[in-house]
Amino acid sequence: LYLTTIDTRVVGDPEELVYLDIELPW
């Protein structure tokens, strides 16, 4: 898995924001 973290913070309606929701296998 390649995971990029961008140096910016997205603001807005929490109902419109899509959050990352995955877990790495052990």
mmCIF file of all heavy atoms, coordinates in Angstrom:
data_MODEL
# 
_entry.id   MODEL 
# 
loop_
_atom_site.group_PDB 
_atom_site.id 
_atom_site.type_symbol 
_atom_site.label_atom_id 
_atom_site.label_alt_id 
_atom_site.label_comp_id 
_atom_site.label_asym_id 
_atom_site.label_entity_id 
_atom_site.label_seq_id 
_atom_site.pdbx_PDB_ins_code 
_atom_site.Cartn_x 
_atom_site.Cartn_y 
_atom_site.Cartn_z 
_atom_site.occupancy 
_atom_site.B_iso_or_equiv 
_atom_site.pdbx_formal_charge 
_atom_site.auth_seq_id 
_atom_site.auth_comp_id 
_atom_site.auth_asym_id 
_atom_site.auth_atom_id 
_atom_site.pdbx_PDB_model_num 
ATOM 1   N N   . LEU A 1 1  ? 0.833   -1.197  0.000  1.00 0.00 ? 1  LEU A N   1 
ATOM 2   C CA  . LEU A 1 1  ? 0.000   0.000   0.000  1.00 0.00 ? 1  LEU A CA  1 
ATOM 3   C C   . LEU A 1 1  ? 0.865   1.244   0.000  1.00 0.00 ? 1  LEU A C   1 
ATOM 4   O O   . LEU A 1 1  ? 1.790   1.363   0.819  1.00 0.00 ? 1  LEU A O   1 
ATOM 5   C CB  . LEU A 1 1  ? -0.914  0.009   1.233  1.00 0.00 ? 1  LEU A CB  1 
ATOM 6   C CG  . LEU A 1 1  ? -1.757  1.269   1.440  1.00 0.00 ? 1  LEU A CG  1 
ATOM 7   C CD1 . LEU A 1 1  ? -2.939  1.279   0.465  1.00 0.00 ? 1  LEU A CD1 1 
ATOM 8   C CD2 . LEU A 1 1  ? -2.266  1.361   2.885  1.00 0.00 ? 1  LEU A CD2 1 
ATOM 9   N N   . TYR A 1 2  ? 0.586   2.152   -0.924 1.00 0.00 ? 2  TYR A N   1 
ATOM 10  C CA  . TYR A 1 2  ? 1.198   3.479   -0.919 1.00 0.00 ? 2  TYR A CA  1 
ATOM 11  C C   . TYR A 1 2  ? 0.210   4.459   -0.294 1.00 0.00 ? 2  TYR A C   1 
ATOM 12  O O   . TYR A 1 2  ? -0.915  4.600   -0.776 1.00 0.00 ? 2  TYR A O   1 
ATOM 13  C CB  . TYR A 1 2  ? 1.542   3.931   -2.335 1.00 0.00 ? 2  TYR A CB  1 
ATOM 14  C CG  . TYR A 1 2  ? 2.699   3.196   -2.956 1.00 0.00 ? 2  TYR A CG  1 
ATOM 15  C CD1 . TYR A 1 2  ? 2.491   2.138   -3.828 1.00 0.00 ? 2  TYR A CD1 1 
ATOM 16  C CD2 . TYR A 1 2  ? 4.017   3.564   -2.667 1.00 0.00 ? 2  TYR A CD2 1 
ATOM 17  C CE1 . TYR A 1 2  ? 3.559   1.462   -4.407 1.00 0.00 ? 2  TYR A CE1 1 
ATOM 18  C CE2 . TYR A 1 2  ? 5.093   2.898   -3.238 1.00 0.00 ? 2  TYR A CE2 1 
ATOM 19  C CZ  . TYR A 1 2  ? 4.852   1.847   -4.109 1.00 0.00 ? 2  TYR A CZ  1 
ATOM 20  O OH  . TYR A 1 2  ? 5.911   1.177   -4.675 1.00 0.00 ? 2  TYR A OH  1 
ATOM 21  N N   . LEU A 1 3  ? 0.635   5.118   0.765  1.00 0.00 ? 3  LEU A N   1 
ATOM 22  C CA  . LEU A 1 3  ? -0.198  6.082   1.474  1.00 0.00 ? 3  LEU A CA  1 
ATOM 23  C C   . LEU A 1 3  ? 0.479   7.451   1.435  1.00 0.00 ? 3  LEU A C   1 
ATOM 24  O O   . LEU A 1 3  ? 1.568   7.626   1.990  1.00 0.00 ? 3  LEU A O   1 
ATOM 25  C CB  . LEU A 1 3  ? -0.401  5.639   2.925  1.00 0.00 ? 3  LEU A CB  1 
ATOM 26  C CG  . LEU A 1 3  ? -1.105  6.635   3.850  1.00 0.00 ? 3  LEU A CG  1 
ATOM 27  C CD1 . LEU A 1 3  ? -2.546  6.870   3.402  1.00 0.00 ? 3  LEU A CD1 1 
ATOM 28  C CD2 . LEU A 1 3  ? -1.062  6.148   5.295  1.00 0.00 ? 3  LEU A CD2 1 
ATOM 29  N N   . THR A 1 4  ? -0.164  8.409   0.779  1.00 0.00 ? 4  THR A N   1 
ATOM 30  C CA  . THR A 1 4  ? 0.355   9.774   0.715  1.00 0.00 ? 4  THR A CA  1 
ATOM 31  C C   . THR A 1 4  ? -0.436  10.661  1.660  1.00 0.00 ? 4  THR A C   1 
ATOM 32  O O   . THR A 1 4  ? -1.673  10.655  1.627  1.00 0.00 ? 4  THR A O   1 
ATOM 33  C CB  . THR A 1 4  ? 0.263   10.342  -0.708 1.00 0.00 ? 4  THR A CB  1 
ATOM 34  O OG1 . THR A 1 4  ? 1.018   9.531   -1.606 1.00 0.00 ? 4  THR A OG1 1 
ATOM 35  C CG2 . THR A 1 4  ? 0.802   11.766  -0.754 1.00 0.00 ? 4  THR A CG2 1 
ATOM 36  N N   . THR A 1 5  ? 0.261   11.411  2.509  1.00 0.00 ? 5  THR A N   1 
ATOM 37  C CA  . THR A 1 5  ? -0.377  12.391  3.377  1.00 0.00 ? 5  THR A CA  1 
ATOM 38  C C   . THR A 1 5  ? -0.006  13.780  2.862  1.00 0.00 ? 5  THR A C   1 
ATOM 39  O O   . THR A 1 5  ? 1.168   14.154  2.861  1.00 0.00 ? 5  THR A O   1 
ATOM 40  C CB  . THR A 1 5  ? 0.069   12.219  4.837  1.00 0.00 ? 5  THR A CB  1 
ATOM 41  O OG1 . THR A 1 5  ? -0.221  10.878  5.263  1.00 0.00 ? 5  THR A OG1 1 
ATOM 42  C CG2 . THR A 1 5  ? -0.663  13.202  5.740  1.00 0.00 ? 5  THR A CG2 1 
ATOM 43  N N   . ILE A 1 6  ? -1.008  14.502  2.383  1.00 0.00 ? 6  ILE A N   1 
ATOM 44  C CA  . ILE A 1 6  ? -0.796  15.822  1.793  1.00 0.00 ? 6  ILE A CA  1 
ATOM 45  C C   . ILE A 1 6  ? -0.759  16.877  2.898  1.00 0.00 ? 6  ILE A C   1 
ATOM 46  O O   . ILE A 1 6  ? -1.562  16.840  3.836  1.00 0.00 ? 6  ILE A O   1 
ATOM 47  C CB  . ILE A 1 6  ? -1.932  16.158  0.802  1.00 0.00 ? 6  ILE A CB  1 
ATOM 48  C CG1 . ILE A 1 6  ? -2.150  15.011  -0.198 1.00 0.00 ? 6  ILE A CG1 1 
ATOM 49  C CG2 . ILE A 1 6  ? -1.637  17.465  0.068  1.00 0.00 ? 6  ILE A CG2 1 
ATOM 50  C CD1 . ILE A 1 6  ? -0.995  14.748  -1.107 1.00 0.00 ? 6  ILE A CD1 1 
ATOM 51  N N   . ASP A 1 7  ? 0.150   17.837  2.782  1.00 0.00 ? 7  ASP A N   1 
ATOM 52  C CA  . ASP A 1 7  ? 0.314   18.867  3.806  1.00 0.00 ? 7  ASP A CA  1 
ATOM 53  C C   . ASP A 1 7  ? -0.739  19.960  3.636  1.00 0.00 ? 7  ASP A C   1 
ATOM 54  O O   . ASP A 1 7  ? -0.448  21.118  3.316  1.00 0.00 ? 7  ASP A O   1 
ATOM 55  C CB  . ASP A 1 7  ? 1.721   19.457  3.742  1.00 0.00 ? 7  ASP A CB  1 
ATOM 56  C CG  . ASP A 1 7  ? 2.013   20.368  4.937  1.00 0.00 ? 7  ASP A CG  1 
ATOM 57  O OD1 . ASP A 1 7  ? 1.242   20.307  5.913  1.00 0.00 ? 7  ASP A OD1 1 
ATOM 58  O OD2 . ASP A 1 7  ? 3.001   21.125  4.880  1.00 0.00 ? 7  ASP A OD2 1 
ATOM 59  N N   . THR A 1 8  ? -1.987  19.567  3.838  1.00 0.00 ? 8  THR A N   1 
ATOM 60  C CA  . THR A 1 8  ? -3.109  20.497  3.816  1.00 0.00 ? 8  THR A CA  1 
ATOM 61  C C   . THR A 1 8  ? -4.216  19.906  4.677  1.00 0.00 ? 8  THR A C   1 
ATOM 62  O O   . THR A 1 8  ? -4.258  18.686  4.870  1.00 0.00 ? 8  THR A O   1 
ATOM 63  C CB  . THR A 1 8  ? -3.631  20.735  2.384  1.00 0.00 ? 8  THR A CB  1 
ATOM 64  O OG1 . THR A 1 8  ? -4.592  21.792  2.382  1.00 0.00 ? 8  THR A OG1 1 
ATOM 65  C CG2 . THR A 1 8  ? -4.269  19.485  1.815  1.00 0.00 ? 8  THR A CG2 1 
ATOM 66  N N   . ARG A 1 9  ? -5.046  20.761  5.210  1.00 0.00 ? 9  ARG A N   1 
ATOM 67  C CA  . ARG A 1 9  ? -6.161  20.285  6.031  1.00 0.00 ? 9  ARG A CA  1 
ATOM 68  C C   . ARG A 1 9  ? -7.466  20.705  5.375  1.00 0.00 ? 9  ARG A C   1 
ATOM 69  O O   . ARG A 1 9  ? -7.727  21.897  5.197  1.00 0.00 ? 9  ARG A O   1 
ATOM 70  C CB  . ARG A 1 9  ? -6.065  20.861  7.445  1.00 0.00 ? 9  ARG A CB  1 
ATOM 71  C CG  . ARG A 1 9  ? -7.145  20.330  8.392  1.00 0.00 ? 9  ARG A CG  1 
ATOM 72  C CD  . ARG A 1 9  ? -7.039  20.967  9.763  1.00 0.00 ? 9  ARG A CD  1 
ATOM 73  N NE  . ARG A 1 9  ? -8.104  20.519  10.656 1.00 0.00 ? 9  ARG A NE  1 
ATOM 74  C CZ  . ARG A 1 9  ? -7.984  19.520  11.511 1.00 0.00 ? 9  ARG A CZ  1 
ATOM 75  N NH1 . ARG A 1 9  ? -6.832  18.868  11.593 1.00 0.00 ? 9  ARG A NH1 1 
ATOM 76  N NH2 . ARG A 1 9  ? -8.991  19.158  12.278 1.00 0.00 ? 9  ARG A NH2 1 
ATOM 77  N N   . VAL A 1 10 ? -8.272  19.725  5.006  1.00 0.00 ? 10 VAL A N   1 
ATOM 78  C CA  . VAL A 1 10 ? -9.543  19.987  4.333  1.00 0.00 ? 10 VAL A CA  1 
ATOM 79  C C   . VAL A 1 10 ? -10.581 20.379  5.380  1.00 0.00 ? 10 VAL A C   1 
ATOM 80  O O   . VAL A 1 10 ? -10.757 19.688  6.389  1.00 0.00 ? 10 VAL A O   1 
ATOM 81  C CB  . VAL A 1 10 ? -10.013 18.751  3.553  1.00 0.00 ? 10 VAL A CB  1 
ATOM 82  C CG1 . VAL A 1 10 ? -11.361 19.023  2.889  1.00 0.00 ? 10 VAL A CG1 1 
ATOM 83  C CG2 . VAL A 1 10 ? -8.979  18.356  2.506  1.00 0.00 ? 10 VAL A CG2 1 
ATOM 84  N N   . VAL A 1 11 ? -11.258 21.495  5.146  1.00 0.00 ? 11 VAL A N   1 
ATOM 85  C CA  . VAL A 1 11 ? -12.319 21.936  6.046  1.00 0.00 ? 11 VAL A CA  1 
ATOM 86  C C   . VAL A 1 11 ? -13.635 21.922  5.282  1.00 0.00 ? 11 VAL A C   1 
ATOM 87  O O   . VAL A 1 11 ? -13.662 22.020  4.055  1.00 0.00 ? 11 VAL A O   1 
ATOM 88  C CB  . VAL A 1 11 ? -12.039 23.338  6.606  1.00 0.00 ? 11 VAL A CB  1 
ATOM 89  C CG1 . VAL A 1 11 ? -10.782 23.332  7.464  1.00 0.00 ? 11 VAL A CG1 1 
ATOM 90  C CG2 . VAL A 1 11 ? -11.895 24.364  5.480  1.00 0.00 ? 11 VAL A CG2 1 
ATOM 91  N N   . GLY A 1 12 ? -14.722 21.813  6.013  1.00 0.00 ? 12 GLY A N   1 
ATOM 92  C CA  . GLY A 1 12 ? -16.032 21.794  5.373  1.00 0.00 ? 12 GLY A CA  1 
ATOM 93  C C   . GLY A 1 12 ? -17.044 21.064  6.226  1.00 0.00 ? 12 GLY A C   1 
ATOM 94  O O   . GLY A 1 12 ? -16.767 20.673  7.371  1.00 0.00 ? 12 GLY A O   1 
ATOM 95  N N   . ASP A 1 13 ? -18.204 20.862  5.676  1.00 0.00 ? 13 ASP A N   1 
ATOM 96  C CA  . ASP A 1 13 ? -19.281 20.163  6.353  1.00 0.00 ? 13 ASP A CA  1 
ATOM 97  C C   . ASP A 1 13 ? -18.859 18.719  6.601  1.00 0.00 ? 13 ASP A C   1 
ATOM 98  O O   . ASP A 1 13 ? -18.568 17.992  5.651  1.00 0.00 ? 13 ASP A O   1 
ATOM 99  C CB  . ASP A 1 13 ? -20.535 20.209  5.477  1.00 0.00 ? 13 ASP A CB  1 
ATOM 100 C CG  . ASP A 1 13 ? -21.750 19.592  6.164  1.00 0.00 ? 13 ASP A CG  1 
ATOM 101 O OD1 . ASP A 1 13 ? -21.578 18.878  7.170  1.00 0.00 ? 13 ASP A OD1 1 
ATOM 102 O OD2 . ASP A 1 13 ? -22.874 19.811  5.661  1.00 0.00 ? 13 ASP A OD2 1 
ATOM 103 N N   . PRO A 1 14 ? -18.807 18.267  7.866  1.00 0.00 ? 14 PRO A N   1 
ATOM 104 C CA  . PRO A 1 14 ? -18.403 16.880  8.142  1.00 0.00 ? 14 PRO A CA  1 
ATOM 105 C C   . PRO A 1 14 ? -19.240 15.848  7.401  1.00 0.00 ? 14 PRO A C   1 
ATOM 106 O O   . PRO A 1 14 ? -18.752 14.743  7.118  1.00 0.00 ? 14 PRO A O   1 
ATOM 107 C CB  . PRO A 1 14 ? -18.579 16.765  9.660  1.00 0.00 ? 14 PRO A CB  1 
ATOM 108 C CG  . PRO A 1 14 ? -18.465 18.154  10.169 1.00 0.00 ? 14 PRO A CG  1 
ATOM 109 C CD  . PRO A 1 14 ? -19.072 19.015  9.103  1.00 0.00 ? 14 PRO A CD  1 
ATOM 110 N N   . GLU A 1 15 ? -20.484 16.198  7.081  1.00 0.00 ? 15 GLU A N   1 
ATOM 111 C CA  . GLU A 1 15 ? -21.348 15.267  6.358  1.00 0.00 ? 15 GLU A CA  1 
ATOM 112 C C   . GLU A 1 15 ? -20.917 15.112  4.902  1.00 0.00 ? 15 GLU A C   1 
ATOM 113 O O   . GLU A 1 15 ? -21.296 14.144  4.239  1.00 0.00 ? 15 GLU A O   1 
ATOM 114 C CB  . GLU A 1 15 ? -22.803 15.740  6.414  1.00 0.00 ? 15 GLU A CB  1 
ATOM 115 C CG  . GLU A 1 15 ? -23.405 15.756  7.814  1.00 0.00 ? 15 GLU A CG  1 
ATOM 116 C CD  . GLU A 1 15 ? -23.425 14.371  8.445  1.00 0.00 ? 15 GLU A CD  1 
ATOM 117 O OE1 . GLU A 1 15 ? -23.733 13.405  7.724  1.00 0.00 ? 15 GLU A OE1 1 
ATOM 118 O OE2 . GLU A 1 15 ? -23.145 14.266  9.654  1.00 0.00 ? 15 GLU A OE2 1 
ATOM 119 N N   . GLU A 1 16 ? -20.124 16.057  4.402  1.00 0.00 ? 16 GLU A N   1 
ATOM 120 C CA  . GLU A 1 16 ? -19.670 16.004  3.010  1.00 0.00 ? 16 GLU A CA  1 
ATOM 121 C C   . GLU A 1 16 ? -18.243 15.488  2.886  1.00 0.00 ? 16 GLU A C   1 
ATOM 122 O O   . GLU A 1 16 ? -17.810 15.138  1.782  1.00 0.00 ? 16 GLU A O   1 
ATOM 123 C CB  . GLU A 1 16 ? -19.767 17.393  2.372  1.00 0.00 ? 16 GLU A CB  1 
ATOM 124 C CG  . GLU A 1 16 ? -21.190 17.920  2.286  1.00 0.00 ? 16 GLU A CG  1 
ATOM 125 C CD  . GLU A 1 16 ? -21.271 19.342  1.775  1.00 0.00 ? 16 GLU A CD  1 
ATOM 126 O OE1 . GLU A 1 16 ? -20.195 20.006  1.733  1.00 0.00 ? 16 GLU A OE1 1 
ATOM 127 O OE2 . GLU A 1 16 ? -22.370 19.802  1.429  1.00 0.00 ? 16 GLU A OE2 1 
ATOM 128 N N   . LEU A 1 17 ? -17.509 15.440  3.998  1.00 0.00 ? 17 LEU A N   1 
ATOM 129 C CA  . LEU A 1 17 ? -16.133 14.958  3.954  1.00 0.00 ? 17 LEU A CA  1 
ATOM 130 C C   . LEU A 1 17 ? -16.100 13.437  3.939  1.00 0.00 ? 17 LEU A C   1 
ATOM 131 O O   . LEU A 1 17 ? -16.844 12.776  4.644  1.00 0.00 ? 17 LEU A O   1 
ATOM 132 C CB  . LEU A 1 17 ? -15.350 15.483  5.161  1.00 0.00 ? 17 LEU A CB  1 
ATOM 133 C CG  . LEU A 1 17 ? -15.262 17.006  5.317  1.00 0.00 ? 17 LEU A CG  1 
ATOM 134 C CD1 . LEU A 1 17 ? -14.438 17.362  6.545  1.00 0.00 ? 17 LEU A CD1 1 
ATOM 135 C CD2 . LEU A 1 17 ? -14.692 17.653  4.068  1.00 0.00 ? 17 LEU A CD2 1 
ATOM 136 N N   . VAL A 1 18 ? -15.212 12.888  3.107  1.00 0.00 ? 18 VAL A N   1 
ATOM 137 C CA  . VAL A 1 18 ? -15.031 11.437  3.022  1.00 0.00 ? 18 VAL A CA  1 
ATOM 138 C C   . VAL A 1 18 ? -13.742 11.096  3.752  1.00 0.00 ? 18 VAL A C   1 
ATOM 139 O O   . VAL A 1 18 ? -12.660 11.574  3.383  1.00 0.00 ? 18 VAL A O   1 
ATOM 140 C CB  . VAL A 1 18 ? -14.954 10.966  1.559  1.00 0.00 ? 18 VAL A CB  1 
ATOM 141 C CG1 . VAL A 1 18 ? -14.790 9.444   1.500  1.00 0.00 ? 18 VAL A CG1 1 
ATOM 142 C CG2 . VAL A 1 18 ? -16.206 11.405  0.791  1.00 0.00 ? 18 VAL A CG2 1 
ATOM 143 N N   . TYR A 1 19 ? -13.857 10.283  4.796  1.00 0.00 ? 19 TYR A N   1 
ATOM 144 C CA  . TYR A 1 19 ? -12.701 9.960   5.637  1.00 0.00 ? 19 TYR A CA  1 
ATOM 145 C C   . TYR A 1 19 ? -12.099 8.618   5.258  1.00 0.00 ? 19 TYR A C   1 
ATOM 146 O O   . TYR A 1 19 ? -12.811 7.679   4.883  1.00 0.00 ? 19 TYR A O   1 
ATOM 147 C CB  . TYR A 1 19 ? -13.117 9.923   7.109  1.00 0.00 ? 19 TYR A CB  1 
ATOM 148 C CG  . TYR A 1 19 ? -13.640 11.233  7.638  1.00 0.00 ? 19 TYR A CG  1 
ATOM 149 C CD1 . TYR A 1 19 ? -15.004 11.485  7.714  1.00 0.00 ? 19 TYR A CD1 1 
ATOM 150 C CD2 . TYR A 1 19 ? -12.761 12.224  8.056  1.00 0.00 ? 19 TYR A CD2 1 
ATOM 151 C CE1 . TYR A 1 19 ? -15.487 12.680  8.191  1.00 0.00 ? 19 TYR A CE1 1 
ATOM 152 C CE2 . TYR A 1 19 ? -13.233 13.429  8.543  1.00 0.00 ? 19 TYR A CE2 1 
ATOM 153 C CZ  . TYR A 1 19 ? -14.595 13.657  8.606  1.00 0.00 ? 19 TYR A CZ  1 
ATOM 154 O OH  . TYR A 1 19 ? -15.069 14.848  9.081  1.00 0.00 ? 19 TYR A OH  1 
ATOM 155 N N   . LEU A 1 20 ? -10.793 8.549   5.377  1.00 0.00 ? 20 LEU A N   1 
ATOM 156 C CA  . LEU A 1 20 ? -10.114 7.270   5.185  1.00 0.00 ? 20 LEU A CA  1 
ATOM 157 C C   . LEU A 1 20 ? -10.517 6.328   6.311  1.00 0.00 ? 20 LEU A C   1 
ATOM 158 O O   . LEU A 1 20 ? -10.461 6.686   7.484  1.00 0.00 ? 20 LEU A O   1 
ATOM 159 C CB  . LEU A 1 20 ? -8.594  7.479   5.195  1.00 0.00 ? 20 LEU A CB  1 
ATOM 160 C CG  . LEU A 1 20 ? -7.746  6.226   4.979  1.00 0.00 ? 20 LEU A CG  1 
ATOM 161 C CD1 . LEU A 1 20 ? -7.996  5.625   3.600  1.00 0.00 ? 20 LEU A CD1 1 
ATOM 162 C CD2 . LEU A 1 20 ? -6.261  6.557   5.137  1.00 0.00 ? 20 LEU A CD2 1 
ATOM 163 N N   . ASP A 1 21 ? -10.942 5.136   5.969  1.00 0.00 ? 21 ASP A N   1 
ATOM 164 C CA  . ASP A 1 21 ? -11.413 4.195   6.972  1.00 0.00 ? 21 ASP A CA  1 
ATOM 165 C C   . ASP A 1 21 ? -10.976 2.783   6.610  1.00 0.00 ? 21 ASP A C   1 
ATOM 166 O O   . ASP A 1 21 ? -11.790 1.918   6.287  1.00 0.00 ? 21 ASP A O   1 
ATOM 167 C CB  . ASP A 1 21 ? -12.939 4.272   7.095  1.00 0.00 ? 21 ASP A CB  1 
ATOM 168 C CG  . ASP A 1 21 ? -13.463 3.462   8.276  1.00 0.00 ? 21 ASP A CG  1 
ATOM 169 O OD1 . ASP A 1 21 ? -12.658 3.143   9.167  1.00 0.00 ? 21 ASP A OD1 1 
ATOM 170 O OD2 . ASP A 1 21 ? -14.671 3.143   8.286  1.00 0.00 ? 21 ASP A OD2 1 
ATOM 171 N N   . ILE A 1 22 ? -9.676  2.590   6.593  1.00 0.00 ? 22 ILE A N   1 
ATOM 172 C CA  . ILE A 1 22 ? -9.121  1.262   6.366  1.00 0.00 ? 22 ILE A CA  1 
ATOM 173 C C   . ILE A 1 22 ? -8.155  0.940   7.491  1.00 0.00 ? 22 ILE A C   1 
ATOM 174 O O   . ILE A 1 22 ? -7.635  1.837   8.161  1.00 0.00 ? 22 ILE A O   1 
ATOM 175 C CB  . ILE A 1 22 ? -8.384  1.150   5.005  1.00 0.00 ? 22 ILE A CB  1 
ATOM 176 C CG1 . ILE A 1 22 ? -7.195  2.134   4.944  1.00 0.00 ? 22 ILE A CG1 1 
ATOM 177 C CG2 . ILE A 1 22 ? -9.342  1.403   3.852  1.00 0.00 ? 22 ILE A CG2 1 
ATOM 178 C CD1 . ILE A 1 22 ? -6.334  1.956   3.709  1.00 0.00 ? 22 ILE A CD1 1 
ATOM 179 N N   . GLU A 1 23 ? -7.926  -0.331  7.704  1.00 0.00 ? 23 GLU A N   1 
ATOM 180 C CA  . GLU A 1 23 ? -6.955  -0.782  8.686  1.00 0.00 ? 23 GLU A CA  1 
ATOM 181 C C   . GLU A 1 23 ? -5.943  -1.695  8.016  1.00 0.00 ? 23 GLU A C   1 
ATOM 182 O O   . GLU A 1 23 ? -6.297  -2.511  7.163  1.00 0.00 ? 23 GLU A O   1 
ATOM 183 C CB  . GLU A 1 23 ? -7.649  -1.541  9.814  1.00 0.00 ? 23 GLU A CB  1 
ATOM 184 C CG  . GLU A 1 23 ? -8.617  -0.706  10.608 1.00 0.00 ? 23 GLU A CG  1 
ATOM 185 C CD  . GLU A 1 23 ? -9.340  -1.556  11.632 1.00 0.00 ? 23 GLU A CD  1 
ATOM 186 O OE1 . GLU A 1 23 ? -8.675  -2.317  12.353 1.00 0.00 ? 23 GLU A OE1 1 
ATOM 187 O OE2 . GLU A 1 23 ? -10.579 -1.467  11.682 1.00 0.00 ? 23 GLU A OE2 1 
ATOM 188 N N   . LEU A 1 24 ? -4.703  -1.548  8.408  1.00 0.00 ? 24 LEU A N   1 
ATOM 189 C CA  . LEU A 1 24 ? -3.667  -2.418  7.861  1.00 0.00 ? 24 LEU A CA  1 
ATOM 190 C C   . LEU A 1 24 ? -3.749  -3.802  8.493  1.00 0.00 ? 24 LEU A C   1 
ATOM 191 O O   . LEU A 1 24 ? -3.989  -3.922  9.697  1.00 0.00 ? 24 LEU A O   1 
ATOM 192 C CB  . LEU A 1 24 ? -2.281  -1.831  8.123  1.00 0.00 ? 24 LEU A CB  1 
ATOM 193 C CG  . LEU A 1 24 ? -1.980  -0.467  7.498  1.00 0.00 ? 24 LEU A CG  1 
ATOM 194 C CD1 . LEU A 1 24 ? -0.545  -0.076  7.796  1.00 0.00 ? 24 LEU A CD1 1 
ATOM 195 C CD2 . LEU A 1 24 ? -2.244  -0.469  6.006  1.00 0.00 ? 24 LEU A CD2 1 
ATOM 196 N N   . PRO A 1 25 ? -3.547  -4.852  7.719  1.00 0.00 ? 25 PRO A N   1 
ATOM 197 C CA  . PRO A 1 25 ? -3.434  -6.184  8.307  1.00 0.00 ? 25 PRO A CA  1 
ATOM 198 C C   . PRO A 1 25 ? -2.269  -6.227  9.292  1.00 0.00 ? 25 PRO A C   1 
ATOM 199 O O   . PRO A 1 25 ? -1.318  -5.446  9.189  1.00 0.00 ? 25 PRO A O   1 
ATOM 200 C CB  . PRO A 1 25 ? -3.170  -7.083  7.090  1.00 0.00 ? 25 PRO A CB  1 
ATOM 201 C CG  . PRO A 1 25 ? -3.628  -6.288  5.907  1.00 0.00 ? 25 PRO A CG  1 
ATOM 202 C CD  . PRO A 1 25 ? -3.396  -4.856  6.251  1.00 0.00 ? 25 PRO A CD  1 
ATOM 203 N N   . TRP A 1 26 ? -2.331  -7.143  10.222 1.00 0.00 ? 26 TRP A N   1 
ATOM 204 C CA  . TRP A 1 26 ? -1.305  -7.211  11.265 1.00 0.00 ? 26 TRP A CA  1 
ATOM 205 C C   . TRP A 1 26 ? 0.091   -7.435  10.687 1.00 0.00 ? 26 TRP A C   1 
ATOM 206 O O   . TRP A 1 26 ? 1.091   -7.015  11.295 1.00 0.00 ? 26 TRP A O   1 
ATOM 207 C CB  . TRP A 1 26 ? -1.627  -8.338  12.256 1.00 0.00 ? 26 TRP A CB  1 
ATOM 208 C CG  . TRP A 1 26 ? -1.562  -9.716  11.641 1.00 0.00 ? 26 TRP A CG  1 
ATOM 209 C CD1 . TRP A 1 26 ? -2.569  -10.389 11.034 1.00 0.00 ? 26 TRP A CD1 1 
ATOM 210 C CD2 . TRP A 1 26 ? -0.411  -10.559 11.568 1.00 0.00 ? 26 TRP A CD2 1 
ATOM 211 N NE1 . TRP A 1 26 ? -2.136  -11.612 10.575 1.00 0.00 ? 26 TRP A NE1 1 
ATOM 212 C CE2 . TRP A 1 26 ? -0.814  -11.746 10.897 1.00 0.00 ? 26 TRP A CE2 1 
ATOM 213 C CE3 . TRP A 1 26 ? 0.915   -10.448 11.992 1.00 0.00 ? 26 TRP A CE3 1 
ATOM 214 C CZ2 . TRP A 1 26 ? 0.068   -12.793 10.643 1.00 0.00 ? 26 TRP A CZ2 1 
ATOM 215 C CZ3 . TRP A 1 26 ? 1.798   -11.493 11.737 1.00 0.00 ? 26 TRP A CZ3 1 
ATOM 216 C CH2 . TRP A 1 26 ? 1.369   -12.657 11.072 1.00 0.00 ? 26 TRP A CH2 1 
# 
